[in-house]
Structure formats: structure tokens, C-alpha cells
Amino acid sequence: MTGKESLPLIVYFGYWLAFVSHWISIALYILVALLWLIPDRRIEQMLATPKSEGTSNF
């Protein structure tokens, strides 16, 4: 798993590691929030390509 696909896994571990140390859990949740701020290249490429008549980018 790479990139945005690993975010649910990080959240899962953040939930369970809260029982060990709440600081580790908070750090993982902050990491997920920061990763969400990074734009997805696939969406950026889709928005950059011009649409032709009668087709959709979605």
C-alpha cells in the first residue's frame, strides 16, 4: 500500500495505539491530516486535460 490507500490503515493503528499512548495516537491522526493536504496527482492530471465535446472526465 502506498499513498492515500494507506490512510485507513494509519487511522486503524492510531485507534488501537491510543490504549498504549495517546501521544502516538495523536501523532498518527496529525499525519493523516497532513497527508490529506497533499493533492492527488491523478485528480490534478484529470483537471488539467481539456475535455472534448460529449465526453466526461469522470
N, C-alpha and C. Protein backbone atom coordinates (compact mmCIF):
# COMPACT_ATOMS: atom_id res chain seq x y z
N MET A 1 0.83 -1.18 0.00
CA MET A 1 0.00 0.00 0.00
C MET A 1 0.88 1.25 0.00
N THR A 2 0.49 2.17 -0.82
CA THR A 2 1.23 3.43 -0.85
C THR A 2 0.26 4.59 -0.92
N GLY A 3 0.73 5.72 -0.50
CA GLY A 3 -0.04 6.94 -0.67
C GLY A 3 -1.35 6.94 0.09
N LYS A 4 -2.39 7.39 -0.58
CA LYS A 4 -3.69 7.59 0.05
C LYS A 4 -4.36 6.28 0.44
N GLU A 5 -3.94 5.16 -0.16
CA GLU A 5 -4.54 3.87 0.19
C GLU A 5 -4.17 3.44 1.61
N SER A 6 -3.07 3.95 2.12
CA SER A 6 -2.62 3.53 3.46
C SER A 6 -3.25 4.35 4.58
N LEU A 7 -4.00 5.39 4.26
CA LEU A 7 -4.58 6.24 5.30
C LEU A 7 -5.51 5.48 6.24
N PRO A 8 -6.43 4.63 5.75
CA PRO A 8 -7.28 3.90 6.70
C PRO A 8 -6.48 3.00 7.64
N LEU A 9 -5.38 2.46 7.16
CA LEU A 9 -4.53 1.62 8.00
C LEU A 9 -3.87 2.44 9.11
N ILE A 10 -3.43 3.64 8.78
CA ILE A 10 -2.83 4.51 9.79
C ILE A 10 -3.87 4.90 10.84
N VAL A 11 -5.09 5.19 10.40
CA VAL A 11 -6.15 5.54 11.34
C VAL A 11 -6.48 4.35 12.24
N TYR A 12 -6.51 3.16 11.66
CA TYR A 12 -6.78 1.94 12.44
C TYR A 12 -5.73 1.77 13.55
N PHE A 13 -4.46 1.89 13.17
CA PHE A 13 -3.40 1.76 14.18
C PHE A 13 -3.44 2.90 15.18
N GLY A 14 -3.82 4.08 14.74
CA GLY A 14 -3.96 5.20 15.66
C GLY A 14 -5.02 4.94 16.72
N TYR A 15 -6.09 4.29 16.30
CA TYR A 15 -7.16 3.94 17.25
C TYR A 15 -6.66 2.97 18.31
N TRP A 16 -6.00 1.91 17.88
CA TRP A 16 -5.55 0.89 18.83
C TRP A 16 -4.34 1.33 19.65
N LEU A 17 -3.49 2.16 19.08
CA LEU A 17 -2.34 2.63 19.84
C LEU A 17 -2.72 3.67 20.88
N ALA A 18 -3.95 4.16 20.84
CA ALA A 18 -4.42 5.09 21.87
C ALA A 18 -4.46 4.40 23.24
N PHE A 19 -4.60 3.09 23.24
CA PHE A 19 -4.59 2.36 24.50
C PHE A 19 -3.18 2.25 25.08
N VAL A 20 -2.16 2.38 24.22
CA VAL A 20 -0.77 2.33 24.67
C VAL A 20 -0.32 3.73 25.08
N SER A 21 -0.46 4.68 24.15
CA SER A 21 -0.06 6.06 24.43
C SER A 21 -0.91 6.98 23.58
N HIS A 22 -1.57 7.90 24.21
CA HIS A 22 -2.43 8.80 23.44
C HIS A 22 -1.61 9.75 22.58
N TRP A 23 -0.34 9.98 22.92
CA TRP A 23 0.51 10.85 22.11
C TRP A 23 0.84 10.20 20.76
N ILE A 24 1.06 8.91 20.75
CA ILE A 24 1.30 8.20 19.49
C ILE A 24 0.05 8.29 18.62
N SER A 25 -1.09 8.10 19.23
CA SER A 25 -2.34 8.16 18.50
C SER A 25 -2.56 9.54 17.89
N ILE A 26 -2.33 10.58 18.66
CA ILE A 26 -2.49 11.95 18.17
C ILE A 26 -1.52 12.22 17.02
N ALA A 27 -0.29 11.74 17.14
CA ALA A 27 0.70 11.94 16.08
C ALA A 27 0.26 11.26 14.79
N LEU A 28 -0.31 10.07 14.89
CA LEU A 28 -0.78 9.38 13.69
C LEU A 28 -1.96 10.10 13.04
N TYR A 29 -2.87 10.63 13.86
CA TYR A 29 -4.00 11.37 13.31
C TYR A 29 -3.55 12.67 12.65
N ILE A 30 -2.54 13.32 13.22
CA ILE A 30 -1.99 14.52 12.59
C ILE A 30 -1.31 14.16 11.27
N LEU A 31 -0.63 13.03 11.23
CA LEU A 31 -0.01 12.56 9.99
C LEU A 31 -1.05 12.36 8.90
N VAL A 32 -2.17 11.73 9.25
CA VAL A 32 -3.24 11.51 8.27
C VAL A 32 -3.78 12.84 7.78
N ALA A 33 -3.98 13.80 8.69
CA ALA A 33 -4.49 15.11 8.28
C ALA A 33 -3.52 15.81 7.34
N LEU A 34 -2.24 15.69 7.60
CA LEU A 34 -1.25 16.32 6.71
C LEU A 34 -1.20 15.63 5.35
N LEU A 35 -1.36 14.31 5.33
CA LEU A 35 -1.35 13.60 4.06
C LEU A 35 -2.56 13.96 3.20
N TRP A 36 -3.67 14.29 3.83
CA TRP A 36 -4.86 14.70 3.07
C TRP A 36 -4.65 16.05 2.39
N LEU A 37 -3.71 16.86 2.90
CA LEU A 37 -3.46 18.16 2.29
C LEU A 37 -2.66 18.06 1.00
N ILE A 38 -1.98 16.94 0.80
CA ILE A 38 -1.20 16.74 -0.42
C ILE A 38 -2.17 16.40 -1.55
N PRO A 39 -2.17 17.19 -2.64
CA PRO A 39 -3.11 16.91 -3.73
C PRO A 39 -2.79 15.59 -4.45
N ASP A 40 -3.83 14.93 -4.88
CA ASP A 40 -3.68 13.67 -5.60
C ASP A 40 -3.31 13.98 -7.06
N ARG A 41 -2.24 13.39 -7.54
CA ARG A 41 -1.77 13.67 -8.90
C ARG A 41 -2.76 13.23 -9.96
N ARG A 42 -3.50 12.16 -9.69
CA ARG A 42 -4.48 11.70 -10.68
C ARG A 42 -5.57 12.73 -10.90
N ILE A 43 -6.01 13.36 -9.82
CA ILE A 43 -7.04 14.39 -9.95
C ILE A 43 -6.47 15.62 -10.63
N GLU A 44 -5.25 15.99 -10.28
CA GLU A 44 -4.62 17.14 -10.90
C GLU A 44 -4.47 16.93 -12.41
N GLN A 45 -4.09 15.73 -12.83
CA GLN A 45 -3.95 15.44 -14.26
C GLN A 45 -5.30 15.45 -14.95
N MET A 46 -6.32 14.93 -14.28
CA MET A 46 -7.65 14.88 -14.88
C MET A 46 -8.19 16.30 -15.07
N LEU A 47 -7.96 17.17 -14.13
CA LEU A 47 -8.43 18.54 -14.24
C LEU A 47 -7.63 19.34 -15.27
N ALA A 48 -6.39 18.97 -15.50
CA ALA A 48 -5.53 19.70 -16.43
C ALA A 48 -5.82 19.34 -17.89
N THR A 49 -6.32 18.14 -18.14
CA THR A 49 -6.58 17.73 -19.51
C THR A 49 -7.90 18.34 -19.98
N PRO A 50 -7.91 18.90 -21.20
CA PRO A 50 -9.15 19.50 -21.71
C PRO A 50 -10.17 18.42 -22.07
N LYS A 51 -11.43 18.71 -21.80
CA LYS A 51 -12.50 17.78 -22.15
C LYS A 51 -12.89 17.99 -23.60
N SER A 52 -13.14 16.89 -24.29
CA SER A 52 -13.65 17.01 -25.65
C SER A 52 -15.18 17.01 -25.58
N GLU A 53 -15.79 17.44 -26.66
CA GLU A 53 -17.25 17.58 -26.73
C GLU A 53 -17.93 16.22 -26.53
N GLY A 54 -18.86 16.15 -25.62
CA GLY A 54 -19.65 14.94 -25.42
C GLY A 54 -19.02 13.90 -24.52
N THR A 55 -17.86 14.17 -23.97
CA THR A 55 -17.24 13.19 -23.06
C THR A 55 -17.09 13.81 -21.68
N SER A 56 -16.86 12.95 -20.74
CA SER A 56 -16.70 13.40 -19.37
C SER A 56 -15.39 12.91 -18.82
N ASN A 57 -14.77 13.69 -17.95
CA ASN A 57 -13.53 13.27 -17.30
C ASN A 57 -13.80 12.25 -16.21
N PHE A 58 -15.03 12.09 -15.82
CA PHE A 58 -15.36 11.15 -14.76
C PHE A 58 -15.85 9.92 -15.37
